[in-house]
């Protein structure tokens, strides 16, 4: 736990930054089971927003675990810390007027609520997107072979198989990727 630290505001306010850059920052938080389409959807949205001239950046669960969160496993306490860290990073991006697109399973409602509160306490919009597809559909997609490994007991604590996923009760958007194609989902 850090002590003897003080937040340094800098010489420019968020409001001034927004006026100068012509954009407000926010976080769009994609949550859902593995293979539900979170990363695919976030990537497509990132491409569309950039082509429209918006500054945005995608923070992907696997990519973050190659660096910032490479010291974390998949036990509940590590999953909580993973989401806490990424919520802080997303908030920093959004504070800089960038649209932060996060694609993380983030299986626990309490962690997503904490991410939302962190943003709201800073006056930064937070949009939760539940990327939803039934378990049987994501198991059929299984691009990384993770569901198969989990069912064979090779992966312990796998979300949706041997670990829980708590669907958001009231996300801003609920996208059924088993019913909509990618273009429809982005729209």
Protein backbone atom coordinates (compact mmCIF):
# COMPACT_ATOMS: atom_id res chain seq x y z
CA UNK A 1 0.00 0.00 0.00
CA UNK A 2 1.45 3.34 -1.05
CA UNK A 3 1.91 6.07 1.52
CA UNK A 4 3.35 9.57 1.40
CA UNK A 5 1.95 10.21 -2.08
CA UNK A 6 -0.05 13.15 -3.41
CA UNK A 7 -2.10 13.32 -6.63
CA UNK A 8 -0.56 15.88 -9.01
CA UNK A 9 -3.23 17.68 -11.04
CA UNK A 10 -0.99 19.12 -13.75
CA UNK A 11 -1.66 22.39 -15.57
CA UNK A 12 -4.63 21.44 -17.73
CA UNK A 13 -8.11 20.39 -16.63
CA UNK A 14 -10.10 17.63 -18.27
CA UNK A 15 -12.59 20.25 -19.51
CA UNK A 16 -9.82 22.25 -21.19
CA UNK A 17 -8.33 19.07 -22.68
CA UNK A 18 -11.77 18.10 -24.06
CA UNK A 19 -12.19 21.53 -25.67
CA UNK A 20 -8.71 21.45 -27.21
CA UNK A 21 -9.04 17.91 -28.55
CA UNK A 22 -12.74 18.10 -29.44
CA UNK A 23 -13.67 14.88 -27.70
CA UNK A 24 -14.81 13.61 -24.32
CA UNK A 25 -13.35 10.42 -22.92
CA UNK A 26 -15.34 7.49 -21.66
CA UNK A 27 -14.97 3.77 -21.03
CA UNK A 28 -16.95 1.13 -22.88
CA UNK A 29 -16.65 -2.06 -20.82
CA UNK A 30 -17.35 -5.27 -22.78
CA UNK A 31 -18.12 -8.24 -20.51
CA UNK A 32 -19.20 -11.79 -21.29
CA UNK A 33 -18.07 -15.38 -21.46
CA UNK A 34 -14.94 -16.43 -23.31
CA UNK A 35 -15.75 -16.67 -27.06
CA UNK A 36 -18.88 -14.51 -26.71
CA UNK A 37 -17.37 -11.99 -29.12
CA UNK A 38 -16.07 -9.27 -26.77
CA UNK A 39 -12.67 -8.81 -28.43
CA UNK A 40 -14.07 -9.16 -31.95
CA UNK A 41 -16.72 -6.55 -31.25
CA UNK A 42 -14.33 -4.18 -29.46
CA UNK A 43 -11.83 -4.45 -32.34
CA UNK A 44 -14.49 -3.69 -34.94
CA UNK A 45 -15.83 -0.77 -32.92
CA UNK A 46 -12.31 0.58 -32.43
CA UNK A 47 -11.73 0.50 -36.19
CA UNK A 48 -15.05 2.26 -36.91
CA UNK A 49 -14.48 4.96 -34.27
CA UNK A 50 -10.94 5.66 -35.53
CA UNK A 51 -12.23 5.98 -39.11
CA UNK A 52 -14.78 8.48 -37.79
CA UNK A 53 -11.93 10.52 -36.29
CA UNK A 54 -12.38 9.54 -32.64
CA UNK A 55 -9.40 8.82 -30.43
CA UNK A 56 -9.86 5.39 -28.90
CA UNK A 57 -7.85 2.43 -27.70
CA UNK A 58 -8.76 -1.19 -27.05
CA UNK A 59 -7.57 -2.89 -23.87
CA UNK A 60 -7.94 -6.65 -24.32
CA UNK A 61 -7.90 -9.22 -21.52
CA UNK A 62 -5.31 -11.55 -23.03
CA UNK A 63 -3.10 -8.69 -24.24
CA UNK A 64 -3.02 -7.07 -20.80
CA UNK A 65 -1.94 -10.37 -19.25
CA UNK A 66 1.18 -10.37 -21.47
CA UNK A 67 2.45 -7.27 -19.68
CA UNK A 68 0.74 -5.22 -17.00
CA UNK A 69 -1.02 -8.20 -15.41
CA UNK A 70 1.40 -11.01 -16.23
CA UNK A 71 1.91 -11.57 -12.50
CA UNK A 72 -1.75 -12.57 -12.01
CA UNK A 73 -3.36 -15.99 -12.28
CA UNK A 74 -7.03 -16.87 -12.57
CA UNK A 75 -8.02 -17.44 -8.96
CA UNK A 76 -10.79 -15.14 -7.72
CA UNK A 77 -8.43 -12.71 -5.92
CA UNK A 78 -6.25 -12.45 -9.05
CA UNK A 79 -9.28 -11.91 -11.26
CA UNK A 80 -10.42 -9.13 -8.93
CA UNK A 81 -6.99 -7.48 -9.06
CA UNK A 82 -6.89 -7.86 -12.85
CA UNK A 83 -10.17 -5.95 -13.17
CA UNK A 84 -9.17 -3.36 -10.57
CA UNK A 85 -5.97 -2.57 -12.47
CA UNK A 86 -7.65 -2.38 -15.85
CA UNK A 87 -10.40 -0.15 -14.46
CA UNK A 88 -7.69 2.25 -13.28
CA UNK A 89 -5.93 2.16 -16.66
CA UNK A 90 -9.21 2.65 -18.56
CA UNK A 91 -10.03 5.61 -16.31
CA UNK A 92 -6.67 7.21 -17.15
CA UNK A 93 -7.26 6.73 -20.88
CA UNK A 94 -10.76 8.20 -20.58
CA UNK A 95 -9.46 11.10 -18.49
CA UNK A 96 -7.12 11.91 -21.40
CA UNK A 97 -10.22 12.18 -23.68
CA UNK A 98 -9.61 8.77 -25.24
CA UNK A 99 -12.45 6.30 -25.61
CA UNK A 100 -11.25 3.25 -23.70
CA UNK A 101 -12.67 -0.02 -25.03
CA UNK A 102 -12.12 -2.85 -22.57
CA UNK A 103 -12.83 -6.49 -23.40
CA UNK A 104 -12.54 -8.63 -20.27
CA UNK A 105 -14.63 -11.55 -19.09
CA UNK A 106 -14.87 -9.73 -15.72
CA UNK A 107 -17.07 -12.48 -14.27
CA UNK A 108 -17.99 -10.84 -10.95
CA UNK A 109 -20.64 -8.14 -10.71
CA UNK A 110 -18.92 -6.59 -7.69
CA UNK A 111 -15.75 -6.00 -9.77
CA UNK A 112 -17.72 -4.39 -12.61
CA UNK A 113 -19.60 -2.26 -10.06
CA UNK A 114 -16.25 -1.13 -8.59
CA UNK A 115 -14.98 -0.23 -12.09
CA UNK A 116 -18.16 1.77 -12.73
CA UNK A 117 -17.90 3.57 -9.37
CA UNK A 118 -14.26 4.45 -10.00
CA UNK A 119 -15.29 6.15 -13.24
CA UNK A 120 -18.42 7.80 -11.87
CA UNK A 121 -16.49 9.19 -8.88
CA UNK A 122 -14.17 10.88 -11.39
CA UNK A 123 -17.02 12.18 -13.56
CA UNK A 124 -16.12 9.84 -16.42
CA UNK A 125 -18.89 8.03 -18.33
CA UNK A 126 -18.89 4.22 -18.06
CA UNK A 127 -20.90 2.11 -20.49
CA UNK A 128 -21.28 -1.58 -19.70
CA UNK A 129 -21.90 -3.82 -22.71
CA UNK A 130 -22.98 -7.38 -22.02
CA UNK A 131 -21.78 -9.45 -24.97
CA UNK A 132 -24.03 -12.44 -24.62
CA UNK A 133 -24.19 -15.84 -26.28
CA UNK A 134 -25.44 -19.07 -24.71
CA UNK A 135 -22.86 -21.45 -23.25
CA UNK A 136 -23.52 -24.03 -25.97
CA UNK A 137 -22.76 -21.41 -28.66
CA UNK A 138 -19.50 -20.20 -27.09
CA UNK A 139 -18.45 -23.82 -26.54
CA UNK A 140 -18.99 -24.46 -30.27
CA UNK A 141 -17.00 -21.33 -31.20
CA UNK A 142 -14.15 -22.06 -28.73
CA UNK A 143 -11.41 -20.52 -30.95
CA UNK A 144 -8.68 -21.20 -28.37
CA UNK A 145 -9.88 -24.67 -27.36
CA UNK A 146 -10.32 -23.51 -23.76
CA UNK A 147 -13.78 -24.97 -23.12
CA UNK A 148 -12.59 -28.36 -24.33
CA UNK A 149 -9.55 -28.19 -22.03
CA UNK A 150 -11.71 -27.04 -19.11
CA UNK A 151 -14.19 -29.89 -19.59
CA UNK A 152 -11.27 -32.35 -19.70
CA UNK A 153 -10.02 -30.92 -16.38
CA UNK A 154 -6.89 -29.37 -17.90
CA UNK A 155 -7.98 -25.84 -16.92
CA UNK A 156 -9.26 -25.33 -13.38
CA UNK A 157 -11.60 -22.47 -12.46
CA UNK A 158 -12.64 -21.73 -16.04
CA UNK A 159 -15.50 -19.23 -16.25
CA UNK A 160 -18.72 -20.82 -17.42
CA UNK A 161 -17.50 -24.37 -16.75
CA UNK A 162 -16.02 -24.63 -13.25
CA UNK A 163 -16.16 -20.97 -12.20
CA UNK A 164 -19.16 -18.63 -12.19
CA UNK A 165 -20.07 -15.78 -14.52
CA UNK A 166 -22.50 -13.24 -13.10
CA UNK A 167 -24.42 -11.63 -15.98
CA UNK A 168 -24.97 -7.88 -15.59
CA UNK A 169 -28.53 -7.21 -14.37
CA UNK A 170 -28.81 -3.83 -16.12
CA UNK A 171 -26.06 -3.10 -18.65
CA UNK A 172 -26.37 -0.06 -20.89
CA UNK A 173 -26.25 -2.44 -23.88
CA UNK A 174 -27.04 -6.15 -24.14
CA UNK A 175 -25.78 -7.60 -27.41
CA UNK A 176 -26.67 -11.17 -28.39
CA UNK A 177 -23.87 -12.25 -30.71
CA UNK A 178 -25.68 -15.51 -31.45
CA UNK A 179 -28.50 -13.48 -33.01
CA UNK A 180 -26.67 -10.49 -34.53
CA UNK A 181 -23.78 -10.49 -36.97
CA UNK A 182 -20.71 -8.34 -36.34
CA UNK A 183 -21.92 -5.35 -38.38
CA UNK A 184 -25.27 -5.37 -36.57
CA UNK A 185 -23.53 -5.70 -33.21
CA UNK A 186 -21.23 -2.73 -33.87
CA UNK A 187 -24.18 -0.61 -34.95
